[in-house]
Amino acid sequence: TIGVDSSAHLTPLIRDPELSKAFLNILTA
């Protein structure tokens, strides 16, 4: 739906404050 390629390979361990905040925003929502 959002146009993401599901064949992409992601970095396994991520330390990213912006992404951590976005994750917690899901909980808030």
All heavy atoms as atom14 arrays in JSON, in Angstrom:
{
  "sequence": "TIGVDSSAHLTPLIRDPELSKAFLNILTA",
  "atom14_mask": [
    [1, 1, 1, 1, 1, 1, 1, 0, 0, 0, 0, 0, 0, 0],
    [1, 1, 1, 1, 1, 1, 1, 1, 0, 0, 0, 0, 0, 0],
    [1, 1, 1, 1, 0, 0, 0, 0, 0, 0, 0, 0, 0, 0],
    [1, 1, 1, 1, 1, 1, 1, 0, 0, 0, 0, 0, 0, 0],
    [1, 1, 1, 1, 1, 1, 1, 1, 0, 0, 0, 0, 0, 0],
    [1, 1, 1, 1, 1, 1, 0, 0, 0, 0, 0, 0, 0, 0],
    [1, 1, 1, 1, 1, 1, 0, 0, 0, 0, 0, 0, 0, 0],
    [1, 1, 1, 1, 1, 0, 0, 0, 0, 0, 0, 0, 0, 0],
    [1, 1, 1, 1, 1, 1, 1, 1, 1, 1, 0, 0, 0, 0],
    [1, 1, 1, 1, 1, 1, 1, 1, 0, 0, 0, 0, 0, 0],
    [1, 1, 1, 1, 1, 1, 1, 0, 0, 0, 0, 0, 0, 0],
    [1, 1, 1, 1, 1, 1, 1, 0, 0, 0, 0, 0, 0, 0],
    [1, 1, 1, 1, 1, 1, 1, 1, 0, 0, 0, 0, 0, 0],
    [1, 1, 1, 1, 1, 1, 1, 1, 0, 0, 0, 0, 0, 0],
    [1, 1, 1, 1, 1, 1, 1, 1, 1, 1, 1, 0, 0, 0],
    [1, 1, 1, 1, 1, 1, 1, 1, 0, 0, 0, 0, 0, 0],
    [1, 1, 1, 1, 1, 1, 1, 0, 0, 0, 0, 0, 0, 0],
    [1, 1, 1, 1, 1, 1, 1, 1, 1, 0, 0, 0, 0, 0],
    [1, 1, 1, 1, 1, 1, 1, 1, 0, 0, 0, 0, 0, 0],
    [1, 1, 1, 1, 1, 1, 0, 0, 0, 0, 0, 0, 0, 0],
    [1, 1, 1, 1, 1, 1, 1, 1, 1, 0, 0, 0, 0, 0],
    [1, 1, 1, 1, 1, 0, 0, 0, 0, 0, 0, 0, 0, 0],
    [1, 1, 1, 1, 1, 1, 1, 1, 1, 1, 1, 0, 0, 0],
    [1, 1, 1, 1, 1, 1, 1, 1, 0, 0, 0, 0, 0, 0],
    [1, 1, 1, 1, 1, 1, 1, 1, 0, 0, 0, 0, 0, 0],
    [1, 1, 1, 1, 1, 1, 1, 1, 0, 0, 0, 0, 0, 0],
    [1, 1, 1, 1, 1, 1, 1, 1, 0, 0, 0, 0, 0, 0],
    [1, 1, 1, 1, 1, 1, 1, 0, 0, 0, 0, 0, 0, 0],
    [1, 1, 1, 1, 1, 0, 0, 0, 0, 0, 0, 0, 0, 0]
  ],
  "atom14_positions": [
    [[0.81, -1.21, 0.0], [0.0, 0.0, 0.0], [0.85, 1.26, 0.0], [0.51, 2.26, -0.65], [-0.94, 0.01, 1.22], [-1.82, -1.11, 1.14], [-1.77, 1.29, 1.28], [0.0, 0.0, 0.0], [0.0, 0.0, 0.0], [0.0, 0.0, 0.0], [0.0, 0.0, 0.0], [0.0, 0.0, 0.0], [0.0, 0.0, 0.0], [0.0, 0.0, 0.0]],
    [[1.97, 1.23, 0.71], [2.83, 2.42, 0.8], [3.97, 2.37, -0.22], [4.86, 3.23, -0.19], [3.38, 2.61, 2.22], [4.25, 1.42, 2.65], [2.25, 2.83, 3.21], [4.89, 1.6, 4.02], [0.0, 0.0, 0.0], [0.0, 0.0, 0.0], [0.0, 0.0, 0.0], [0.0, 0.0, 0.0], [0.0, 0.0, 0.0], [0.0, 0.0, 0.0]],
    [[3.96, 1.36, -1.09], [4.94, 1.3, -2.16], [6.31, 0.8, -1.77], [7.3, 1.06, -2.45], [0.0, 0.0, 0.0], [0.0, 0.0, 0.0], [0.0, 0.0, 0.0], [0.0, 0.0, 0.0], [0.0, 0.0, 0.0], [0.0, 0.0, 0.0], [0.0, 0.0, 0.0], [0.0, 0.0, 0.0], [0.0, 0.0, 0.0], [0.0, 0.0, 0.0]],
    [[6.37, 0.02, -0.67], [7.65, -0.52, -0.21], [7.92, -1.86, -0.89], [7.02, -2.69, -1.02], [7.64, -0.71, 1.33], [8.79, -1.57, 1.78], [7.71, 0.66, 2.0], [0.0, 0.0, 0.0], [0.0, 0.0, 0.0], [0.0, 0.0, 0.0], [0.0, 0.0, 0.0], [0.0, 0.0, 0.0], [0.0, 0.0, 0.0], [0.0, 0.0, 0.0]],
    [[9.14, -2.06, -1.32], [9.54, -3.31, -1.96], [9.81, -4.35, -0.88], [10.77, -4.23, -0.11], [10.79, -3.09, -2.81], [11.22, -4.33, -3.56], [10.61, -5.39, -3.36], [12.18, -4.24, -4.34], [0.0, 0.0, 0.0], [0.0, 0.0, 0.0], [0.0, 0.0, 0.0], [0.0, 0.0, 0.0], [0.0, 0.0, 0.0], [0.0, 0.0, 0.0]],
    [[8.98, -5.39, -0.82], [9.12, -6.39, 0.24], [10.29, -7.35, 0.01], [10.48, -8.28, 0.8], [7.81, -7.19, 0.37], [7.48, -7.83, -0.84], [0.0, 0.0, 0.0], [0.0, 0.0, 0.0], [0.0, 0.0, 0.0], [0.0, 0.0, 0.0], [0.0, 0.0, 0.0], [0.0, 0.0, 0.0], [0.0, 0.0, 0.0], [0.0, 0.0, 0.0]],
    [[11.08, -7.12, -1.04], [12.28, -7.92, -1.24], [13.51, -7.22, -0.65], [14.62, -7.74, -0.71], [12.52, -8.18, -2.73], [12.87, -6.98, -3.4], [0.0, 0.0, 0.0], [0.0, 0.0, 0.0], [0.0, 0.0, 0.0], [0.0, 0.0, 0.0], [0.0, 0.0, 0.0], [0.0, 0.0, 0.0], [0.0, 0.0, 0.0], [0.0, 0.0, 0.0]],
    [[13.32, -6.03, -0.07], [14.44, -5.28, 0.49], [14.99, -5.97, 1.72], [14.27, -6.63, 2.47], [13.98, -3.87, 0.85], [0.0, 0.0, 0.0], [0.0, 0.0, 0.0], [0.0, 0.0, 0.0], [0.0, 0.0, 0.0], [0.0, 0.0, 0.0], [0.0, 0.0, 0.0], [0.0, 0.0, 0.0], [0.0, 0.0, 0.0], [0.0, 0.0, 0.0]],
    [[16.29, -5.81, 1.93], [16.96, -6.38, 3.11], [17.34, -5.23, 4.03], [18.01, -4.28, 3.61], [18.2, -7.16, 2.68], [18.85, -7.9, 3.79], [18.43, -9.15, 4.2], [19.88, -7.57, 4.6], [19.19, -9.56, 5.19], [20.06, -8.61, 5.47], [0.0, 0.0, 0.0], [0.0, 0.0, 0.0], [0.0, 0.0, 0.0], [0.0, 0.0, 0.0]],
    [[16.92, -5.31, 5.29], [17.12, -4.22, 6.24], [18.27, -4.51, 7.2], [18.56, -5.66, 7.51], [15.84, -3.99, 7.04], [14.6, -3.6, 6.24], [13.36, -3.65, 7.11], [14.78, -2.22, 5.61], [0.0, 0.0, 0.0], [0.0, 0.0, 0.0], [0.0, 0.0, 0.0], [0.0, 0.0, 0.0], [0.0, 0.0, 0.0], [0.0, 0.0, 0.0]],
    [[18.9, -3.44, 7.67], [19.94, -3.56, 8.69], [19.34, -4.2, 9.94], [18.31, -3.73, 10.44], [20.49, -2.17, 9.06], [20.95, -1.53, 7.87], [21.6, -2.27, 10.08], [0.0, 0.0, 0.0], [0.0, 0.0, 0.0], [0.0, 0.0, 0.0], [0.0, 0.0, 0.0], [0.0, 0.0, 0.0], [0.0, 0.0, 0.0], [0.0, 0.0, 0.0]],
    [[19.93, -5.25, 10.49], [19.31, -5.94, 11.63], [19.27, -5.13, 12.93], [18.24, -5.1, 13.59], [20.18, -7.2, 11.8], [20.79, -7.41, 10.45], [21.05, -6.03, 9.92], [0.0, 0.0, 0.0], [0.0, 0.0, 0.0], [0.0, 0.0, 0.0], [0.0, 0.0, 0.0], [0.0, 0.0, 0.0], [0.0, 0.0, 0.0], [0.0, 0.0, 0.0]],
    [[20.37, -4.49, 13.3], [20.41, -3.74, 14.57], [20.47, -2.26, 14.26], [21.39, -1.78, 13.61], [21.61, -4.16, 15.41], [21.73, -3.48, 16.79], [20.51, -3.77, 17.66], [23.01, -3.92, 17.49], [0.0, 0.0, 0.0], [0.0, 0.0, 0.0], [0.0, 0.0, 0.0], [0.0, 0.0, 0.0], [0.0, 0.0, 0.0], [0.0, 0.0, 0.0]],
    [[19.47, -1.52, 14.77], [19.32, -0.11, 14.42], [19.3, 0.75, 15.68], [18.5, 0.5, 16.6], [18.02, 0.11, 13.62], [18.08, -0.7, 12.31], [17.78, 1.58, 13.35], [16.76, -0.82, 11.61], [0.0, 0.0, 0.0], [0.0, 0.0, 0.0], [0.0, 0.0, 0.0], [0.0, 0.0, 0.0], [0.0, 0.0, 0.0], [0.0, 0.0, 0.0]],
    [[20.17, 1.75, 15.7], [20.17, 2.75, 16.78], [19.93, 4.1, 16.13], [20.85, 4.75, 15.64], [21.49, 2.7, 17.54], [21.69, 1.38, 18.29], [22.92, 1.33, 19.15], [22.9, 0.14, 19.98], [23.82, -0.83, 19.94], [24.84, -0.72, 19.12], [23.72, -1.88, 20.74], [0.0, 0.0, 0.0], [0.0, 0.0, 0.0], [0.0, 0.0, 0.0]],
    [[18.67, 4.49, 16.11], [18.24, 5.66, 15.35], [17.13, 6.36, 16.15], [16.0, 5.88, 16.2], [17.72, 5.22, 13.98], [17.27, 6.37, 13.1], [16.89, 7.42, 13.62], [17.29, 6.2, 11.86], [0.0, 0.0, 0.0], [0.0, 0.0, 0.0], [0.0, 0.0, 0.0], [0.0, 0.0, 0.0], [0.0, 0.0, 0.0], [0.0, 0.0, 0.0]],
    [[17.44, 7.47, 16.82], [16.44, 8.16, 17.65], [15.17, 8.52, 16.89], [14.06, 8.42, 17.45], [17.18, 9.41, 18.13], [18.62, 9.03, 18.09], [18.77, 8.12, 16.9], [0.0, 0.0, 0.0], [0.0, 0.0, 0.0], [0.0, 0.0, 0.0], [0.0, 0.0, 0.0], [0.0, 0.0, 0.0], [0.0, 0.0, 0.0], [0.0, 0.0, 0.0]],
    [[15.3, 8.94, 15.63], [14.12, 9.31, 14.85], [13.22, 8.1, 14.64], [11.99, 8.19, 14.77], [14.53, 9.89, 13.5], [13.34, 10.34, 12.65], [13.75, 10.84, 11.28], [14.85, 10.5, 10.82], [12.96, 11.6, 10.67], [0.0, 0.0, 0.0], [0.0, 0.0, 0.0], [0.0, 0.0, 0.0], [0.0, 0.0, 0.0], [0.0, 0.0, 0.0]],
    [[13.82, 6.96, 14.34], [13.04, 5.75, 14.1], [12.44, 5.22, 15.4], [11.3, 4.73, 15.42], [13.92, 4.7, 13.45], [13.18, 3.6, 12.69], [12.38, 4.19, 11.53], [14.14, 2.55, 12.18], [0.0, 0.0, 0.0], [0.0, 0.0, 0.0], [0.0, 0.0, 0.0], [0.0, 0.0, 0.0], [0.0, 0.0, 0.0], [0.0, 0.0, 0.0]],
    [[13.18, 5.32, 16.5], [12.66, 4.88, 17.8], [11.43, 5.7, 18.19], [10.44, 5.17, 18.68], [13.74, 5.01, 18.88], [14.81, 4.13, 18.62], [0.0, 0.0, 0.0], [0.0, 0.0, 0.0], [0.0, 0.0, 0.0], [0.0, 0.0, 0.0], [0.0, 0.0, 0.0], [0.0, 0.0, 0.0], [0.0, 0.0, 0.0], [0.0, 0.0, 0.0]],
    [[11.5, 7.01, 17.94], [10.36, 7.88, 18.23], [9.16, 7.5, 17.36], [8.01, 7.45, 17.84], [10.74, 9.34, 17.99], [9.61, 10.32, 18.29], [10.06, 11.76, 18.07], [8.93, 12.74, 18.35], [9.36, 14.15, 18.11], [0.0, 0.0, 0.0], [0.0, 0.0, 0.0], [0.0, 0.0, 0.0], [0.0, 0.0, 0.0], [0.0, 0.0, 0.0]],
    [[9.42, 7.19, 16.09], [8.34, 6.8, 15.19], [7.69, 5.5, 15.64], [6.48, 5.32, 15.53], [8.88, 6.66, 13.76], [0.0, 0.0, 0.0], [0.0, 0.0, 0.0], [0.0, 0.0, 0.0], [0.0, 0.0, 0.0], [0.0, 0.0, 0.0], [0.0, 0.0, 0.0], [0.0, 0.0, 0.0], [0.0, 0.0, 0.0], [0.0, 0.0, 0.0]],
    [[8.51, 4.57, 16.15], [7.97, 3.3, 16.68], [7.04, 3.58, 17.86], [5.92, 3.07, 17.93], [9.13, 2.39, 17.1], [8.74, 0.94, 17.3], [9.28, -0.04, 16.52], [7.84, 0.58, 18.31], [8.93, -1.38, 16.7], [7.48, -0.74, 18.5], [8.03, -1.73, 17.69], [0.0, 0.0, 0.0], [0.0, 0.0, 0.0], [0.0, 0.0, 0.0]],
    [[7.5, 4.4, 18.8], [6.69, 4.69, 19.99], [5.44, 5.48, 19.64], [4.42, 5.39, 20.33], [7.54, 5.44, 21.01], [8.69, 4.63, 21.61], [9.51, 5.48, 22.57], [8.17, 3.38, 22.32], [0.0, 0.0, 0.0], [0.0, 0.0, 0.0], [0.0, 0.0, 0.0], [0.0, 0.0, 0.0], [0.0, 0.0, 0.0], [0.0, 0.0, 0.0]],
    [[5.49, 6.26, 18.54], [4.29, 6.98, 18.1], [3.18, 6.02, 17.69], [1.99, 6.35, 17.78], [4.64, 7.91, 16.94], [5.37, 9.17, 17.39], [5.35, 9.51, 18.58], [6.02, 9.85, 16.46], [0.0, 0.0, 0.0], [0.0, 0.0, 0.0], [0.0, 0.0, 0.0], [0.0, 0.0, 0.0], [0.0, 0.0, 0.0], [0.0, 0.0, 0.0]],
    [[3.57, 4.83, 17.23], [2.56, 3.81, 16.89], [1.83, 3.38, 18.16], [0.6, 3.28, 18.17], [3.22, 2.59, 16.21], [3.92, 3.0, 14.92], [2.18, 1.5, 15.95], [4.75, 1.9, 14.29], [0.0, 0.0, 0.0], [0.0, 0.0, 0.0], [0.0, 0.0, 0.0], [0.0, 0.0, 0.0], [0.0, 0.0, 0.0], [0.0, 0.0, 0.0]],
    [[2.58, 3.16, 19.22], [1.97, 2.79, 20.51], [1.0, 3.87, 20.96], [-0.14, 3.57, 21.37], [3.06, 2.59, 21.56], [2.6, 2.34, 23.0], [1.73, 1.1, 23.08], [3.8, 2.2, 23.92], [0.0, 0.0, 0.0], [0.0, 0.0, 0.0], [0.0, 0.0, 0.0], [0.0, 0.0, 0.0], [0.0, 0.0, 0.0], [0.0, 0.0, 0.0]],
    [[1.4, 5.13, 20.86], [0.54, 6.23, 21.26], [-0.73, 6.26, 20.42], [-1.84, 6.47, 20.93], [1.29, 7.57, 21.11], [2.45, 7.55, 21.93], [0.39, 8.74, 21.51], [0.0, 0.0, 0.0], [0.0, 0.0, 0.0], [0.0, 0.0, 0.0], [0.0, 0.0, 0.0], [0.0, 0.0, 0.0], [0.0, 0.0, 0.0], [0.0, 0.0, 0.0]],
    [[-0.59, 6.03, 19.12], [-1.75, 6.07, 18.22], [-2.77, 4.99, 18.55], [-3.98, 5.19, 18.41], [-1.28, 5.93, 16.77], [0.0, 0.0, 0.0], [0.0, 0.0, 0.0], [0.0, 0.0, 0.0], [0.0, 0.0, 0.0], [0.0, 0.0, 0.0], [0.0, 0.0, 0.0], [0.0, 0.0, 0.0], [0.0, 0.0, 0.0], [0.0, 0.0, 0.0]]
  ]
}
